[in-house]
All heavy atoms as atom14 arrays in JSON, in Angstrom:
{
  "sequence": "QVQLVESGGGLVQAGGSLRLSCVASESILSFNAMGWYRQ",
  "atom14_mask": [
    [1, 1, 1, 1, 1, 1, 1, 1, 1, 0, 0, 0, 0, 0],
    [1, 1, 1, 1, 1, 1, 1, 0, 0, 0, 0, 0, 0, 0],
    [1, 1, 1, 1, 1, 1, 1, 1, 1, 0, 0, 0, 0, 0],
    [1, 1, 1, 1, 1, 1, 1, 1, 0, 0, 0, 0, 0, 0],
    [1, 1, 1, 1, 1, 1, 1, 0, 0, 0, 0, 0, 0, 0],
    [1, 1, 1, 1, 1, 1, 1, 1, 1, 0, 0, 0, 0, 0],
    [1, 1, 1, 1, 1, 1, 0, 0, 0, 0, 0, 0, 0, 0],
    [1, 1, 1, 1, 0, 0, 0, 0, 0, 0, 0, 0, 0, 0],
    [1, 1, 1, 1, 0, 0, 0, 0, 0, 0, 0, 0, 0, 0],
    [1, 1, 1, 1, 0, 0, 0, 0, 0, 0, 0, 0, 0, 0],
    [1, 1, 1, 1, 1, 1, 1, 1, 0, 0, 0, 0, 0, 0],
    [1, 1, 1, 1, 1, 1, 1, 0, 0, 0, 0, 0, 0, 0],
    [1, 1, 1, 1, 1, 1, 1, 1, 1, 0, 0, 0, 0, 0],
    [1, 1, 1, 1, 1, 0, 0, 0, 0, 0, 0, 0, 0, 0],
    [1, 1, 1, 1, 0, 0, 0, 0, 0, 0, 0, 0, 0, 0],
    [1, 1, 1, 1, 0, 0, 0, 0, 0, 0, 0, 0, 0, 0],
    [1, 1, 1, 1, 1, 1, 0, 0, 0, 0, 0, 0, 0, 0],
    [1, 1, 1, 1, 1, 1, 1, 1, 0, 0, 0, 0, 0, 0],
    [1, 1, 1, 1, 1, 1, 1, 1, 1, 1, 1, 0, 0, 0],
    [1, 1, 1, 1, 1, 1, 1, 1, 0, 0, 0, 0, 0, 0],
    [1, 1, 1, 1, 1, 1, 0, 0, 0, 0, 0, 0, 0, 0],
    [1, 1, 1, 1, 1, 1, 0, 0, 0, 0, 0, 0, 0, 0],
    [1, 1, 1, 1, 1, 1, 1, 0, 0, 0, 0, 0, 0, 0],
    [1, 1, 1, 1, 1, 0, 0, 0, 0, 0, 0, 0, 0, 0],
    [1, 1, 1, 1, 1, 1, 0, 0, 0, 0, 0, 0, 0, 0],
    [1, 1, 1, 1, 1, 1, 1, 1, 1, 0, 0, 0, 0, 0],
    [1, 1, 1, 1, 1, 1, 0, 0, 0, 0, 0, 0, 0, 0],
    [1, 1, 1, 1, 1, 1, 1, 1, 0, 0, 0, 0, 0, 0],
    [1, 1, 1, 1, 1, 1, 1, 1, 0, 0, 0, 0, 0, 0],
    [1, 1, 1, 1, 1, 1, 0, 0, 0, 0, 0, 0, 0, 0],
    [1, 1, 1, 1, 1, 1, 1, 1, 1, 1, 1, 0, 0, 0],
    [1, 1, 1, 1, 1, 1, 1, 1, 0, 0, 0, 0, 0, 0],
    [1, 1, 1, 1, 1, 0, 0, 0, 0, 0, 0, 0, 0, 0],
    [1, 1, 1, 1, 1, 1, 1, 1, 0, 0, 0, 0, 0, 0],
    [1, 1, 1, 1, 0, 0, 0, 0, 0, 0, 0, 0, 0, 0],
    [1, 1, 1, 1, 1, 1, 1, 1, 1, 1, 1, 1, 1, 1],
    [1, 1, 1, 1, 1, 1, 1, 1, 1, 1, 1, 1, 0, 0],
    [1, 1, 1, 1, 1, 1, 1, 1, 1, 1, 1, 0, 0, 0],
    [1, 1, 1, 1, 1, 1, 1, 1, 1, 0, 0, 0, 0, 0]
  ],
  "atom14_positions": [
    [[138.86, 89.93, 110.4], [139.8, 89.03, 109.75], [139.47, 87.6, 110.17], [139.55, 87.26, 111.34], [141.24, 89.37, 110.14], [142.29, 88.45, 109.55], [142.48, 88.65, 108.05], [142.15, 89.72, 107.53], [142.99, 87.66, 107.38], [0.0, 0.0, 0.0], [0.0, 0.0, 0.0], [0.0, 0.0, 0.0], [0.0, 0.0, 0.0], [0.0, 0.0, 0.0]],
    [[139.12, 86.77, 109.2], [138.79, 85.38, 109.47], [140.07, 84.59, 109.68], [141.04, 84.72, 108.92], [137.98, 84.77, 108.31], [137.8, 83.27, 108.51], [136.63, 85.46, 108.21], [0.0, 0.0, 0.0], [0.0, 0.0, 0.0], [0.0, 0.0, 0.0], [0.0, 0.0, 0.0], [0.0, 0.0, 0.0], [0.0, 0.0, 0.0], [0.0, 0.0, 0.0]],
    [[140.08, 83.75, 110.71], [141.2, 82.87, 110.99], [140.73, 81.42, 110.9], [139.7, 81.06, 111.47], [141.79, 83.13, 112.37], [142.26, 84.56, 112.59], [143.5, 84.88, 111.8], [144.33, 84.02, 111.54], [143.63, 86.15, 111.43], [0.0, 0.0, 0.0], [0.0, 0.0, 0.0], [0.0, 0.0, 0.0], [0.0, 0.0, 0.0], [0.0, 0.0, 0.0]],
    [[141.5, 80.6, 110.2], [141.26, 79.17, 110.11], [142.52, 78.46, 110.59], [143.61, 78.7, 110.06], [140.95, 78.75, 108.67], [139.75, 79.43, 108.0], [139.65, 79.0, 106.55], [138.46, 79.1, 108.73], [0.0, 0.0, 0.0], [0.0, 0.0, 0.0], [0.0, 0.0, 0.0], [0.0, 0.0, 0.0], [0.0, 0.0, 0.0], [0.0, 0.0, 0.0]],
    [[142.38, 77.6, 111.57], [143.53, 76.93, 112.17], [143.35, 75.43, 112.05], [142.4, 74.87, 112.62], [143.7, 77.34, 113.64], [144.91, 76.62, 114.24], [143.86, 78.84, 113.77], [0.0, 0.0, 0.0], [0.0, 0.0, 0.0], [0.0, 0.0, 0.0], [0.0, 0.0, 0.0], [0.0, 0.0, 0.0], [0.0, 0.0, 0.0], [0.0, 0.0, 0.0]],
    [[144.27, 74.78, 111.34], [144.23, 73.33, 111.15], [145.07, 72.64, 112.2], [146.07, 73.19, 112.69], [144.76, 72.94, 109.76], [144.02, 73.59, 108.6], [144.74, 74.8, 108.06], [145.41, 75.51, 108.84], [144.64, 75.03, 106.84], [0.0, 0.0, 0.0], [0.0, 0.0, 0.0], [0.0, 0.0, 0.0], [0.0, 0.0, 0.0], [0.0, 0.0, 0.0]],
    [[144.7, 71.42, 112.51], [145.48, 70.58, 113.41], [145.17, 69.12, 113.11], [144.24, 68.82, 112.37], [145.2, 70.9, 114.88], [143.84, 70.64, 115.2], [0.0, 0.0, 0.0], [0.0, 0.0, 0.0], [0.0, 0.0, 0.0], [0.0, 0.0, 0.0], [0.0, 0.0, 0.0], [0.0, 0.0, 0.0], [0.0, 0.0, 0.0], [0.0, 0.0, 0.0]],
    [[145.94, 68.23, 113.7], [145.68, 66.81, 113.58], [146.61, 66.06, 112.65], [146.56, 64.83, 112.6], [0.0, 0.0, 0.0], [0.0, 0.0, 0.0], [0.0, 0.0, 0.0], [0.0, 0.0, 0.0], [0.0, 0.0, 0.0], [0.0, 0.0, 0.0], [0.0, 0.0, 0.0], [0.0, 0.0, 0.0], [0.0, 0.0, 0.0], [0.0, 0.0, 0.0]],
    [[147.46, 66.78, 111.93], [148.41, 66.12, 111.07], [149.5, 65.43, 111.86], [149.64, 65.62, 113.07], [0.0, 0.0, 0.0], [0.0, 0.0, 0.0], [0.0, 0.0, 0.0], [0.0, 0.0, 0.0], [0.0, 0.0, 0.0], [0.0, 0.0, 0.0], [0.0, 0.0, 0.0], [0.0, 0.0, 0.0], [0.0, 0.0, 0.0], [0.0, 0.0, 0.0]],
    [[150.26, 64.61, 111.16], [151.35, 63.89, 111.8], [151.85, 62.77, 110.93], [151.54, 62.7, 109.74], [0.0, 0.0, 0.0], [0.0, 0.0, 0.0], [0.0, 0.0, 0.0], [0.0, 0.0, 0.0], [0.0, 0.0, 0.0], [0.0, 0.0, 0.0], [0.0, 0.0, 0.0], [0.0, 0.0, 0.0], [0.0, 0.0, 0.0], [0.0, 0.0, 0.0]],
    [[152.62, 61.89, 111.54], [153.2, 60.75, 110.86], [152.37, 59.51, 111.16], [152.07, 59.22, 112.33], [154.65, 60.53, 111.32], [155.39, 59.33, 110.77], [155.55, 59.44, 109.26], [156.73, 59.18, 111.46], [0.0, 0.0, 0.0], [0.0, 0.0, 0.0], [0.0, 0.0, 0.0], [0.0, 0.0, 0.0], [0.0, 0.0, 0.0], [0.0, 0.0, 0.0]],
    [[152.01, 58.79, 110.12], [151.21, 57.59, 110.28], [151.66, 56.56, 109.24], [152.12, 56.92, 108.15], [149.71, 57.91, 110.12], [149.38, 58.4, 108.72], [148.84, 56.71, 110.48], [0.0, 0.0, 0.0], [0.0, 0.0, 0.0], [0.0, 0.0, 0.0], [0.0, 0.0, 0.0], [0.0, 0.0, 0.0], [0.0, 0.0, 0.0], [0.0, 0.0, 0.0]],
    [[151.56, 55.29, 109.59], [151.9, 54.23, 108.65], [150.79, 54.03, 107.64], [149.61, 54.3, 107.9], [152.16, 52.92, 109.39], [153.42, 52.93, 110.22], [153.74, 51.56, 110.8], [152.94, 50.63, 110.74], [154.93, 51.43, 111.36], [0.0, 0.0, 0.0], [0.0, 0.0, 0.0], [0.0, 0.0, 0.0], [0.0, 0.0, 0.0], [0.0, 0.0, 0.0]],
    [[151.17, 53.56, 106.46], [150.19, 53.23, 105.44], [149.15, 52.27, 106.0], [149.47, 51.32, 106.72], [150.87, 52.62, 104.22], [0.0, 0.0, 0.0], [0.0, 0.0, 0.0], [0.0, 0.0, 0.0], [0.0, 0.0, 0.0], [0.0, 0.0, 0.0], [0.0, 0.0, 0.0], [0.0, 0.0, 0.0], [0.0, 0.0, 0.0], [0.0, 0.0, 0.0]],
    [[147.9, 52.55, 105.67], [146.79, 51.78, 106.2], [146.18, 52.37, 107.45], [145.1, 51.95, 107.87], [0.0, 0.0, 0.0], [0.0, 0.0, 0.0], [0.0, 0.0, 0.0], [0.0, 0.0, 0.0], [0.0, 0.0, 0.0], [0.0, 0.0, 0.0], [0.0, 0.0, 0.0], [0.0, 0.0, 0.0], [0.0, 0.0, 0.0], [0.0, 0.0, 0.0]],
    [[146.85, 53.33, 108.04], [146.36, 53.96, 109.25], [145.39, 55.08, 108.98], [145.0, 55.35, 107.84], [0.0, 0.0, 0.0], [0.0, 0.0, 0.0], [0.0, 0.0, 0.0], [0.0, 0.0, 0.0], [0.0, 0.0, 0.0], [0.0, 0.0, 0.0], [0.0, 0.0, 0.0], [0.0, 0.0, 0.0], [0.0, 0.0, 0.0], [0.0, 0.0, 0.0]],
    [[145.01, 55.77, 110.05], [144.0, 56.82, 109.98], [144.45, 58.07, 110.73], [145.23, 58.0, 111.68], [142.67, 56.34, 110.59], [142.14, 55.24, 109.88], [0.0, 0.0, 0.0], [0.0, 0.0, 0.0], [0.0, 0.0, 0.0], [0.0, 0.0, 0.0], [0.0, 0.0, 0.0], [0.0, 0.0, 0.0], [0.0, 0.0, 0.0], [0.0, 0.0, 0.0]],
    [[143.94, 59.2, 110.29], [144.1, 60.47, 110.98], [142.8, 61.25, 110.85], [142.05, 61.07, 109.89], [145.24, 61.3, 110.39], [146.68, 60.89, 110.69], [147.63, 61.74, 109.86], [146.99, 61.04, 112.16], [0.0, 0.0, 0.0], [0.0, 0.0, 0.0], [0.0, 0.0, 0.0], [0.0, 0.0, 0.0], [0.0, 0.0, 0.0], [0.0, 0.0, 0.0]],
    [[142.57, 62.14, 111.8], [141.46, 63.07, 111.69], [142.01, 64.48, 111.82], [142.6, 64.84, 112.84], [140.39, 62.83, 112.76], [139.14, 63.68, 112.53], [138.06, 63.46, 113.57], [138.41, 64.04, 114.85], [137.54, 64.26, 115.83], [136.26, 63.94, 115.66], [137.96, 64.77, 116.98], [0.0, 0.0, 0.0], [0.0, 0.0, 0.0], [0.0, 0.0, 0.0]],
    [[141.8, 65.27, 110.79], [142.21, 66.66, 110.79], [141.06, 67.54, 111.26], [139.9, 67.25, 111.01], [142.64, 67.1, 109.39], [143.69, 66.24, 108.69], [144.06, 66.87, 107.35], [144.92, 66.05, 109.56], [0.0, 0.0, 0.0], [0.0, 0.0, 0.0], [0.0, 0.0, 0.0], [0.0, 0.0, 0.0], [0.0, 0.0, 0.0], [0.0, 0.0, 0.0]],
    [[141.42, 68.63, 111.93], [140.43, 69.6, 112.4], [140.76, 70.97, 111.86], [141.93, 71.34, 111.73], [140.41, 69.65, 113.93], [140.05, 68.42, 114.5], [0.0, 0.0, 0.0], [0.0, 0.0, 0.0], [0.0, 0.0, 0.0], [0.0, 0.0, 0.0], [0.0, 0.0, 0.0], [0.0, 0.0, 0.0], [0.0, 0.0, 0.0], [0.0, 0.0, 0.0]],
    [[139.74, 71.74, 111.56], [139.87, 73.13, 111.15], [138.93, 73.94, 112.01], [137.7, 73.76, 111.91], [139.55, 73.29, 109.67], [139.44, 75.0, 109.11], [0.0, 0.0, 0.0], [0.0, 0.0, 0.0], [0.0, 0.0, 0.0], [0.0, 0.0, 0.0], [0.0, 0.0, 0.0], [0.0, 0.0, 0.0], [0.0, 0.0, 0.0], [0.0, 0.0, 0.0]],
    [[139.48, 74.81, 112.83], [138.69, 75.65, 113.72], [138.65, 77.05, 113.14], [139.69, 77.66, 112.9], [139.26, 75.66, 115.14], [138.39, 76.55, 116.04], [139.32, 74.25, 115.71], [0.0, 0.0, 0.0], [0.0, 0.0, 0.0], [0.0, 0.0, 0.0], [0.0, 0.0, 0.0], [0.0, 0.0, 0.0], [0.0, 0.0, 0.0], [0.0, 0.0, 0.0]],
    [[137.45, 77.56, 112.94], [137.26, 78.9, 112.39], [137.0, 79.9, 113.51], [136.48, 79.55, 114.58], [136.09, 78.91, 111.41], [0.0, 0.0, 0.0], [0.0, 0.0, 0.0], [0.0, 0.0, 0.0], [0.0, 0.0, 0.0], [0.0, 0.0, 0.0], [0.0, 0.0, 0.0], [0.0, 0.0, 0.0], [0.0, 0.0, 0.0], [0.0, 0.0, 0.0]],
    [[137.35, 81.15, 113.26], [137.17, 82.2, 114.24], [135.75, 82.72, 114.3], [135.44, 83.56, 115.16], [138.13, 83.36, 113.94], [137.89, 83.9, 112.66], [0.0, 0.0, 0.0], [0.0, 0.0, 0.0], [0.0, 0.0, 0.0], [0.0, 0.0, 0.0], [0.0, 0.0, 0.0], [0.0, 0.0, 0.0], [0.0, 0.0, 0.0], [0.0, 0.0, 0.0]],
    [[134.9, 82.26, 113.42], [133.5, 82.62, 113.42], [132.7, 81.43, 112.93], [133.27, 80.41, 112.53], [133.25, 83.85, 112.55], [133.66, 83.69, 111.11], [133.6, 85.0, 110.36], [134.54, 85.81, 110.5], [132.6, 85.23, 109.65], [0.0, 0.0, 0.0], [0.0, 0.0, 0.0], [0.0, 0.0, 0.0], [0.0, 0.0, 0.0], [0.0, 0.0, 0.0]],
    [[131.39, 81.56, 112.95], [130.53, 80.44, 112.58], [130.87, 79.91, 111.2], [130.97, 80.66, 110.23], [129.06, 80.88, 112.62], [128.23, 79.85, 112.12], [0.0, 0.0, 0.0], [0.0, 0.0, 0.0], [0.0, 0.0, 0.0], [0.0, 0.0, 0.0], [0.0, 0.0, 0.0], [0.0, 0.0, 0.0], [0.0, 0.0, 0.0], [0.0, 0.0, 0.0]],
    [[131.04, 78.59, 111.1], [131.3, 78.0, 109.79], [130.07, 78.07, 108.9], [130.18, 77.9, 107.68], [131.8, 76.55, 109.91], [130.79, 75.67, 110.65], [133.15, 76.52, 110.61], [131.19, 74.21, 110.7], [0.0, 0.0, 0.0], [0.0, 0.0, 0.0], [0.0, 0.0, 0.0], [0.0, 0.0, 0.0], [0.0, 0.0, 0.0], [0.0, 0.0, 0.0]],
    [[128.92, 78.34, 109.47], [127.71, 78.52, 108.68], [127.65, 79.91, 108.04], [126.72, 80.19, 107.28], [126.46, 78.29, 109.53], [126.29, 76.86, 110.05], [125.03, 76.74, 110.89], [126.26, 75.87, 108.91], [0.0, 0.0, 0.0], [0.0, 0.0, 0.0], [0.0, 0.0, 0.0], [0.0, 0.0, 0.0], [0.0, 0.0, 0.0], [0.0, 0.0, 0.0]],
    [[128.62, 80.76, 108.34], [128.74, 82.03, 107.64], [129.43, 81.87, 106.29], [129.53, 82.83, 105.53], [129.49, 83.05, 108.49], [130.86, 82.72, 108.62], [0.0, 0.0, 0.0], [0.0, 0.0, 0.0], [0.0, 0.0, 0.0], [0.0, 0.0, 0.0], [0.0, 0.0, 0.0], [0.0, 0.0, 0.0], [0.0, 0.0, 0.0], [0.0, 0.0, 0.0]],
    [[129.92, 80.66, 106.01], [130.56, 80.35, 104.74], [129.61, 79.57, 103.85], [128.79, 78.77, 104.34], [131.84, 79.53, 104.96], [132.87, 80.23, 105.78], [132.92, 80.05, 107.16], [133.8, 81.07, 105.19], [133.87, 80.69, 107.93], [134.75, 81.72, 105.95], [134.79, 81.53, 107.32], [0.0, 0.0, 0.0], [0.0, 0.0, 0.0], [0.0, 0.0, 0.0]],
    [[129.74, 79.78, 102.56], [128.98, 78.97, 101.61], [129.4, 77.51, 101.69], [128.57, 76.61, 101.58], [129.18, 79.51, 100.19], [128.5, 78.65, 99.15], [129.17, 77.94, 98.4], [127.19, 78.71, 99.09], [0.0, 0.0, 0.0], [0.0, 0.0, 0.0], [0.0, 0.0, 0.0], [0.0, 0.0, 0.0], [0.0, 0.0, 0.0], [0.0, 0.0, 0.0]],
    [[130.7, 77.29, 101.88], [131.23, 75.95, 101.99], [132.55, 76.0, 102.74], [133.25, 77.01, 102.73], [131.44, 75.31, 100.61], [0.0, 0.0, 0.0], [0.0, 0.0, 0.0], [0.0, 0.0, 0.0], [0.0, 0.0, 0.0], [0.0, 0.0, 0.0], [0.0, 0.0, 0.0], [0.0, 0.0, 0.0], [0.0, 0.0, 0.0], [0.0, 0.0, 0.0]],
    [[132.88, 74.89, 103.38], [134.18, 74.68, 103.99], [134.81, 73.48, 103.32], [134.13, 72.47, 103.09], [134.06, 74.44, 105.49], [133.42, 75.56, 106.28], [134.48, 77.04, 106.36], [135.9, 76.39, 107.24], [0.0, 0.0, 0.0], [0.0, 0.0, 0.0], [0.0, 0.0, 0.0], [0.0, 0.0, 0.0], [0.0, 0.0, 0.0], [0.0, 0.0, 0.0]],
    [[136.09, 73.56, 103.02], [136.74, 72.48, 102.31], [138.15, 72.22, 102.77], [138.77, 73.03, 103.47], [0.0, 0.0, 0.0], [0.0, 0.0, 0.0], [0.0, 0.0, 0.0], [0.0, 0.0, 0.0], [0.0, 0.0, 0.0], [0.0, 0.0, 0.0], [0.0, 0.0, 0.0], [0.0, 0.0, 0.0], [0.0, 0.0, 0.0], [0.0, 0.0, 0.0]],
    [[138.65, 71.05, 102.38], [140.01, 70.63, 102.59], [140.7, 70.48, 101.24], [140.13, 69.88, 100.31], [140.09, 69.31, 103.35], [139.71, 69.42, 104.79], [138.49, 69.18, 105.34], [140.57, 69.8, 105.87], [138.53, 69.39, 106.69], [139.79, 69.77, 107.05], [141.91, 70.17, 105.96], [140.33, 70.09, 108.3], [142.44, 70.48, 107.2], [141.65, 70.44, 108.35]],
    [[141.9, 71.0, 101.14], [142.69, 70.97, 99.92], [144.09, 70.47, 100.2], [144.58, 70.54, 101.34], [142.79, 72.38, 99.31], [141.48, 72.92, 98.79], [140.5, 73.37, 99.66], [141.23, 73.0, 97.42], [139.3, 73.87, 99.2], [140.03, 73.5, 96.94], [139.07, 73.94, 97.84], [137.88, 74.45, 97.36], [0.0, 0.0, 0.0], [0.0, 0.0, 0.0]],
    [[144.76, 69.97, 99.16], [146.16, 69.6, 99.24], [146.82, 69.96, 97.92], [146.14, 70.25, 96.93], [146.34, 68.13, 99.57], [145.83, 67.18, 98.49], [145.86, 65.75, 98.99], [145.48, 64.8, 97.94], [145.28, 63.51, 98.13], [145.44, 62.98, 99.34], [144.93, 62.73, 97.11], [0.0, 0.0, 0.0], [0.0, 0.0, 0.0], [0.0, 0.0, 0.0]],
    [[148.15, 69.92, 97.86], [148.87, 70.35, 96.68], [149.08, 69.21, 95.7], [149.38, 68.08, 96.08], [150.23, 70.93, 97.07], [150.14, 72.27, 97.74], [151.48, 72.95, 97.92], [151.64, 73.76, 98.8], [152.44, 72.63, 97.06], [0.0, 0.0, 0.0], [0.0, 0.0, 0.0], [0.0, 0.0, 0.0], [0.0, 0.0, 0.0], [0.0, 0.0, 0.0]]
  ]
}
């Protein structure tokens, strides 16, 4: 069972920056691609 765990979100003012992280339970090179999505 593959697990993907995101972190790094939070509250920031307009104009600011954040860095999100996604840690996989196995090599990310075992995937064709890794991506970030939103609704």
